[in-house]
Amino acid sequence: MRNYTTAQGDMWDSISRRVYNSESMMHLLIDANLGYRDVVVFPANCELMVPDAPRVTRVTFPPWRANA
């Protein structure tokens, strides 16, 4: 886990894009920083915890299900 210091105007989705390269991971940030869950637009210098992203494993199908 690492930390992220907000800049004025940061929002959950923009922080997620910056640290995870995906807006869809912002739920990880919110869950790790429940004290800020009601914040929409951050002021400068809030310290947020950034949990490690889960490892994504590729699902492979057997050859007979390749077109499923």
PDB file of N, CA and C in Angstrom:
ATOM      1  N   MET A   1       0.852  -1.171   0.000  1.00  0.00           N
ATOM      2  CA  MET A   1       0.000   0.000   0.000  1.00  0.00           C
ATOM      3  C   MET A   1       0.897   1.233   0.000  1.00  0.00           C
ATOM      4  N   ARG A   2       0.478   2.222  -0.747  1.00  0.00           N
ATOM      5  CA  ARG A   2       1.229   3.477  -0.796  1.00  0.00           C
ATOM      6  C   ARG A   2       0.273   4.633  -0.528  1.00  0.00           C
ATOM      7  N   ASN A   3       0.792   5.833  -0.507  1.00  0.00           N
ATOM      8  CA  ASN A   3      -0.020   7.020  -0.253  1.00  0.00           C
ATOM      9  C   ASN A   3      -0.099   7.889  -1.500  1.00  0.00           C
ATOM     10  N   TYR A   4      -1.138   8.701  -1.537  1.00  0.00           N
ATOM     11  CA  TYR A   4      -1.323   9.677  -2.602  1.00  0.00           C
ATOM     12  C   TYR A   4      -1.755  10.980  -1.956  1.00  0.00           C
ATOM     13  N   THR A   5      -1.112  12.073  -2.319  1.00  0.00           N
ATOM     14  CA  THR A   5      -1.478  13.398  -1.826  1.00  0.00           C
ATOM     15  C   THR A   5      -2.280  14.105  -2.904  1.00  0.00           C
ATOM     16  N   THR A   6      -3.489  14.529  -2.544  1.00  0.00           N
ATOM     17  CA  THR A   6      -4.373  15.133  -3.533  1.00  0.00           C
ATOM     18  C   THR A   6      -3.909  16.523  -3.947  1.00  0.00           C
ATOM     19  N   ALA A   7      -4.294  16.863  -5.152  1.00  0.00           N
ATOM     20  CA  ALA A   7      -4.145  18.222  -5.666  1.00  0.00           C
ATOM     21  C   ALA A   7      -5.540  18.838  -5.683  1.00  0.00           C
ATOM     22  N   GLN A   8      -5.624  20.151  -5.585  1.00  0.00           N
ATOM     23  CA  GLN A   8      -6.919  20.840  -5.635  1.00  0.00           C
ATOM     24  C   GLN A   8      -7.686  20.402  -6.870  1.00  0.00           C
ATOM     25  N   GLY A   9      -8.919  19.950  -6.680  1.00  0.00           N
ATOM     26  CA  GLY A   9      -9.763  19.563  -7.799  1.00  0.00           C
ATOM     27  C   GLY A   9      -9.737  18.088  -8.143  1.00  0.00           C
ATOM     28  N   ASP A  10      -8.874  17.302  -7.498  1.00  0.00           N
ATOM     29  CA  ASP A  10      -8.872  15.851  -7.740  1.00  0.00           C
ATOM     30  C   ASP A  10     -10.233  15.265  -7.383  1.00  0.00           C
ATOM     31  N   MET A  11     -10.633  14.253  -8.142  1.00  0.00           N
ATOM     32  CA  MET A  11     -11.854  13.504  -7.848  1.00  0.00           C
ATOM     33  C   MET A  11     -11.496  12.025  -7.851  1.00  0.00           C
ATOM     34  N   TRP A  12     -12.381  11.209  -7.271  1.00  0.00           N
ATOM     35  CA  TRP A  12     -12.077   9.778  -7.144  1.00  0.00           C
ATOM     36  C   TRP A  12     -11.685   9.152  -8.477  1.00  0.00           C
ATOM     37  N   ASP A  13     -12.429   9.450  -9.526  1.00  0.00           N
ATOM     38  CA  ASP A  13     -12.138   8.818 -10.808  1.00  0.00           C
ATOM     39  C   ASP A  13     -10.808   9.273 -11.393  1.00  0.00           C
ATOM     40  N   SER A  14     -10.473  10.546 -11.225  1.00  0.00           N
ATOM     41  CA  SER A  14      -9.199  11.025 -11.768  1.00  0.00           C
ATOM     42  C   SER A  14      -8.010  10.467 -10.978  1.00  0.00           C
ATOM     43  N   ILE A  15      -8.179  10.309  -9.672  1.00  0.00           N
ATOM     44  CA  ILE A  15      -7.112   9.711  -8.861  1.00  0.00           C
ATOM     45  C   ILE A  15      -6.934   8.249  -9.260  1.00  0.00           C
ATOM     46  N   SER A  16      -8.047   7.538  -9.425  1.00  0.00           N
ATOM     47  CA  SER A  16      -7.990   6.136  -9.839  1.00  0.00           C
ATOM     48  C   SER A  16      -7.294   6.004 -11.195  1.00  0.00           C
ATOM     49  N   ARG A  17      -7.613   6.874 -12.115  1.00  0.00           N
ATOM     50  CA  ARG A  17      -6.972   6.847 -13.435  1.00  0.00           C
ATOM     51  C   ARG A  17      -5.467   7.072 -13.298  1.00  0.00           C
ATOM     52  N   ARG A  18      -5.082   7.979 -12.415  1.00  0.00           N
ATOM     53  CA  ARG A  18      -3.669   8.302 -12.236  1.00  0.00           C
ATOM     54  C   ARG A  18      -2.893   7.146 -11.591  1.00  0.00           C
ATOM     55  N   VAL A  19      -3.468   6.527 -10.559  1.00  0.00           N
ATOM     56  CA  VAL A  19      -2.705   5.514  -9.816  1.00  0.00           C
ATOM     57  C   VAL A  19      -2.892   4.092 -10.338  1.00  0.00           C
ATOM     58  N   TYR A  20      -4.054   3.798 -10.953  1.00  0.00           N
ATOM     59  CA  TYR A  20      -4.318   2.447 -11.457  1.00  0.00           C
ATOM     60  C   TYR A  20      -4.430   2.381 -12.980  1.00  0.00           C
ATOM     61  N   ASN A  21      -4.424   3.527 -13.622  1.00  0.00           N
ATOM     62  CA  ASN A  21      -4.612   3.611 -15.068  1.00  0.00           C
ATOM     63  C   ASN A  21      -6.011   3.144 -15.482  1.00  0.00           C
ATOM     64  N   SER A  22      -6.975   3.278 -14.570  1.00  0.00           N
ATOM     65  CA  SER A  22      -8.348   2.871 -14.846  1.00  0.00           C
ATOM     66  C   SER A  22      -9.295   3.531 -13.840  1.00  0.00           C
ATOM     67  N   GLU A  23     -10.344   4.139 -14.339  1.00  0.00           N
ATOM     68  CA  GLU A  23     -11.345   4.734 -13.456  1.00  0.00           C
ATOM     69  C   GLU A  23     -12.157   3.668 -12.725  1.00  0.00           C
ATOM     70  N   SER A  24     -12.228   2.476 -13.277  1.00  0.00           N
ATOM     71  CA  SER A  24     -13.065   1.418 -12.715  1.00  0.00           C
ATOM     72  C   SER A  24     -12.541   0.868 -11.392  1.00  0.00           C
ATOM     73  N   MET A  25     -11.368   1.282 -10.961  1.00  0.00           N
ATOM     74  CA  MET A  25     -10.792   0.801  -9.709  1.00  0.00           C
ATOM     75  C   MET A  25     -11.013   1.782  -8.557  1.00  0.00           C
ATOM     76  N   MET A  26     -11.790   2.832  -8.776  1.00  0.00           N
ATOM     77  CA  MET A  26     -11.939   3.845  -7.732  1.00  0.00           C
ATOM     78  C   MET A  26     -12.604   3.293  -6.475  1.00  0.00           C
ATOM     79  N   HIS A  27     -13.358   2.208  -6.582  1.00  0.00           N
ATOM     80  CA  HIS A  27     -13.964   1.609  -5.392  1.00  0.00           C
ATOM     81  C   HIS A  27     -12.897   1.145  -4.396  1.00  0.00           C
ATOM     82  N   LEU A  28     -11.724   0.749  -4.888  1.00  0.00           N
ATOM     83  CA  LEU A  28     -10.627   0.360  -3.996  1.00  0.00           C
ATOM     84  C   LEU A  28     -10.154   1.551  -3.172  1.00  0.00           C
ATOM     85  N   LEU A  29     -10.064   2.702  -3.818  1.00  0.00           N
ATOM     86  CA  LEU A  29      -9.645   3.920  -3.121  1.00  0.00           C
ATOM     87  C   LEU A  29     -10.669   4.332  -2.072  1.00  0.00           C
ATOM     88  N   ILE A  30     -11.941   4.297  -2.438  1.00  0.00           N
ATOM     89  CA  ILE A  30     -12.994   4.699  -1.504  1.00  0.00           C
ATOM     90  C   ILE A  30     -13.029   3.763  -0.302  1.00  0.00           C
ATOM     91  N   ASP A  31     -12.937   2.453  -0.552  1.00  0.00           N
ATOM     92  CA  ASP A  31     -12.962   1.474   0.543  1.00  0.00           C
ATOM     93  C   ASP A  31     -11.784   1.651   1.494  1.00  0.00           C
ATOM     94  N   ALA A  32     -10.646   2.093   0.982  1.00  0.00           N
ATOM     95  CA  ALA A  32      -9.459   2.266   1.814  1.00  0.00           C
ATOM     96  C   ALA A  32      -9.434   3.611   2.535  1.00  0.00           C
ATOM     97  N   ASN A  33     -10.335   4.518   2.157  1.00  0.00           N
ATOM     98  CA  ASN A  33     -10.344   5.881   2.714  1.00  0.00           C
ATOM     99  C   ASN A  33     -11.764   6.290   3.079  1.00  0.00           C
ATOM    100  N   LEU A  34     -12.392   5.518   3.938  1.00  0.00           N
ATOM    101  CA  LEU A  34     -13.805   5.739   4.265  1.00  0.00           C
ATOM    102  C   LEU A  34     -14.079   7.116   4.870  1.00  0.00           C
ATOM    103  N   GLY A  35     -13.101   7.707   5.504  1.00  0.00           N
ATOM    104  CA  GLY A  35     -13.282   9.033   6.070  1.00  0.00           C
ATOM    105  C   GLY A  35     -13.515  10.103   5.009  1.00  0.00           C
ATOM    106  N   TYR A  36     -13.153   9.819   3.776  1.00  0.00           N
ATOM    107  CA  TYR A  36     -13.321  10.768   2.668  1.00  0.00           C
ATOM    108  C   TYR A  36     -14.430  10.336   1.710  1.00  0.00           C
ATOM    109  N   ARG A  37     -15.199   9.320   2.030  1.00  0.00           N
ATOM    110  CA  ARG A  37     -16.155   8.747   1.070  1.00  0.00           C
ATOM    111  C   ARG A  37     -17.198   9.740   0.575  1.00  0.00           C
ATOM    112  N   ASP A  38     -17.479  10.768   1.355  1.00  0.00           N
ATOM    113  CA  ASP A  38     -18.481  11.757   0.930  1.00  0.00           C
ATOM    114  C   ASP A  38     -17.879  12.923   0.140  1.00  0.00           C
ATOM    115  N   VAL A  39     -16.577  12.933  -0.021  1.00  0.00           N
ATOM    116  CA  VAL A  39     -15.915  14.013  -0.765  1.00  0.00           C
ATOM    117  C   VAL A  39     -16.064  13.749  -2.257  1.00  0.00           C
ATOM    118  N   VAL A  40     -16.481  14.762  -2.988  1.00  0.00           N
ATOM    119  CA  VAL A  40     -16.595  14.646  -4.437  1.00  0.00           C
ATOM    120  C   VAL A  40     -15.380  15.286  -5.103  1.00  0.00           C
ATOM    121  N   VAL A  41     -15.086  16.511  -4.711  1.00  0.00           N
ATOM    122  CA  VAL A  41     -13.924  17.230  -5.237  1.00  0.00           C
ATOM    123  C   VAL A  41     -12.992  17.511  -4.067  1.00  0.00           C
ATOM    124  N   PHE A  42     -11.770  16.993  -4.156  1.00  0.00           N
ATOM    125  CA  PHE A  42     -10.815  17.112  -3.054  1.00  0.00           C
ATOM    126  C   PHE A  42     -10.122  18.460  -3.020  1.00  0.00           C
ATOM    127  N   PRO A  43      -9.849  18.943  -1.805  1.00  0.00           N
ATOM    128  CA  PRO A  43      -8.936  20.081  -1.676  1.00  0.00           C
ATOM    129  C   PRO A  43      -7.506  19.555  -1.797  1.00  0.00           C
ATOM    130  N   ALA A  44      -6.563  20.450  -1.809  1.00  0.00           N
ATOM    131  CA  ALA A  44      -5.156  20.041  -1.890  1.00  0.00           C
ATOM    132  C   ALA A  44      -4.695  19.433  -0.568  1.00  0.00           C
ATOM    133  N   ASN A  45      -3.730  18.548  -0.657  1.00  0.00           N
ATOM    134  CA  ASN A  45      -2.972  17.996   0.471  1.00  0.00           C
ATOM    135  C   ASN A  45      -3.724  17.034   1.379  1.00  0.00           C
ATOM    136  N   CYS A  46      -4.711  16.317   0.867  1.00  0.00           N
ATOM    137  CA  CYS A  46      -5.315  15.216   1.624  1.00  0.00           C
ATOM    138  C   CYS A  46      -4.466  13.972   1.363  1.00  0.00           C
ATOM    139  N   GLU A  47      -4.161  13.255   2.413  1.00  0.00           N
ATOM    140  CA  GLU A  47      -3.366  12.030   2.276  1.00  0.00           C
ATOM    141  C   GLU A  47      -4.310  10.841   2.149  1.00  0.00           C
ATOM    142  N   LEU A  48      -4.267  10.156   1.011  1.00  0.00           N
ATOM    143  CA  LEU A  48      -5.096   8.987   0.786  1.00  0.00           C
ATOM    144  C   LEU A  48      -4.222   7.732   0.746  1.00  0.00           C
ATOM    145  N   MET A  49      -4.765   6.635   1.238  1.00  0.00           N
ATOM    146  CA  MET A  49      -4.085   5.359   1.118  1.00  0.00           C
ATOM    147  C   MET A  49      -4.483   4.734  -0.215  1.00  0.00           C
ATOM    148  N   VAL A  50      -3.512   4.181  -0.913  1.00  0.00           N
ATOM    149  CA  VAL A  50      -3.747   3.553  -2.213  1.00  0.00           C
ATOM    150  C   VAL A  50      -3.407   2.075  -2.089  1.00  0.00           C
ATOM    151  N   PRO A  51      -4.425   1.218  -1.994  1.00  0.00           N
ATOM    152  CA  PRO A  51      -4.142  -0.210  -1.903  1.00  0.00           C
ATOM    153  C   PRO A  51      -3.626  -0.757  -3.229  1.00  0.00           C
ATOM    154  N   ASP A  52      -2.900  -1.848  -3.149  1.00  0.00           N
ATOM    155  CA  ASP A  52      -2.415  -2.496  -4.359  1.00  0.00           C
ATOM    156  C   ASP A  52      -3.604  -3.012  -5.161  1.00  0.00           C
ATOM    157  N   ALA A  53      -3.513  -2.924  -6.460  1.00  0.00           N
ATOM    158  CA  ALA A  53      -4.570  -3.431  -7.330  1.00  0.00           C
ATOM    159  C   ALA A  53      -4.528  -4.952  -7.334  1.00  0.00           C
ATOM    160  N   PRO A  54      -5.686  -5.579  -7.389  1.00  0.00           N
ATOM    161  CA  PRO A  54      -5.694  -7.042  -7.461  1.00  0.00           C
ATOM    162  C   PRO A  54      -5.068  -7.516  -8.770  1.00  0.00           C
ATOM    163  N   ARG A  55      -4.447  -8.652  -8.706  1.00  0.00           N
ATOM    164  CA  ARG A  55      -3.852  -9.221  -9.913  1.00  0.00           C
ATOM    165  C   ARG A  55      -4.963  -9.742 -10.805  1.00  0.00           C
ATOM    166  N   VAL A  56      -4.867  -9.442 -12.062  1.00  0.00           N
ATOM    167  CA  VAL A  56      -5.859  -9.901 -13.024  1.00  0.00           C
ATOM    168  C   VAL A  56      -5.311 -11.143 -13.699  1.00  0.00           C
ATOM    169  N   THR A  57      -6.070 -12.195 -13.636  1.00  0.00           N
ATOM    170  CA  THR A  57      -5.659 -13.418 -14.323  1.00  0.00           C
ATOM    171  C   THR A  57      -6.542 -13.603 -15.547  1.00  0.00           C
ATOM    172  N   ARG A  58      -5.936 -14.004 -16.582  1.00  0.00           N
ATOM    173  CA  ARG A  58      -6.649 -14.194 -17.838  1.00  0.00           C
ATOM    174  C   ARG A  58      -7.352 -15.548 -17.800  1.00  0.00           C
ATOM    175  N   VAL A  59      -8.606 -15.524 -18.133  1.00  0.00           N
ATOM    176  CA  VAL A  59      -9.375 -16.761 -18.187  1.00  0.00           C
ATOM    177  C   VAL A  59      -9.174 -17.382 -19.557  1.00  0.00           C
ATOM    178  N   THR A  60      -8.741 -18.610 -19.565  1.00  0.00           N
ATOM    179  CA  THR A  60      -8.587 -19.316 -20.838  1.00  0.00           C
ATOM    180  C   THR A  60      -9.589 -20.457 -20.880  1.00  0.00           C
ATOM    181  N   PHE A  61     -10.187 -20.606 -22.028  1.00  0.00           N
ATOM    182  CA  PHE A  61     -11.165 -21.658 -22.221  1.00  0.00           C
ATOM    183  C   PHE A  61     -10.521 -22.829 -22.955  1.00  0.00           C
ATOM    184  N   PRO A  62     -11.039 -24.010 -22.742  1.00  0.00           N
ATOM    185  CA  PRO A  62     -10.545 -25.154 -23.511  1.00  0.00           C
ATOM    186  C   PRO A  62     -10.883 -24.943 -24.988  1.00  0.00           C
ATOM    187  N   PRO A  63     -10.161 -25.595 -25.886  1.00  0.00           N
ATOM    188  CA  PRO A  63     -10.378 -25.368 -27.328  1.00  0.00           C
ATOM    189  C   PRO A  63     -11.817 -25.535 -27.790  1.00  0.00           C
ATOM    190  N   TRP A  64     -12.549 -26.455 -27.182  1.00  0.00           N
ATOM    191  CA  TRP A  64     -13.924 -26.682 -27.613  1.00  0.00           C
ATOM    192  C   TRP A  64     -14.866 -25.561 -27.170  1.00  0.00           C
ATOM    193  N   ARG A  65     -14.403 -24.639 -26.310  1.00  0.00           N
ATOM    194  CA  ARG A  65     -15.216 -23.491 -25.888  1.00  0.00           C
ATOM    195  C   ARG A  65     -14.605 -22.171 -26.332  1.00  0.00           C
ATOM    196  N   ALA A  66     -13.685 -22.205 -27.239  1.00  0.00           N
ATOM    197  CA  ALA A  66     -12.946 -20.996 -27.641  1.00  0.00           C
ATOM    198  C   ALA A  66     -13.859 -19.903 -28.158  1.00  0.00           C
ATOM    199  N   ASN A  67     -14.976 -20.237 -28.754  1.00  0.00           N
ATOM    200  CA  ASN A  67     -15.875 -19.231 -29.326  1.00  0.00           C
ATOM    201  C   ASN A  67     -17.031 -18.894 -28.401  1.00  0.00           C
ATOM    202  N   ALA A  68     -16.945 -19.260 -27.147  1.00  0.00           N
ATOM    203  CA  ALA A  68     -18.046 -19.014 -26.228  1.00  0.00           C
ATOM    204  C   ALA A  68     -18.138 -17.575 -25.826  1.00  0.00           C
TER     205      ALA A  68
END
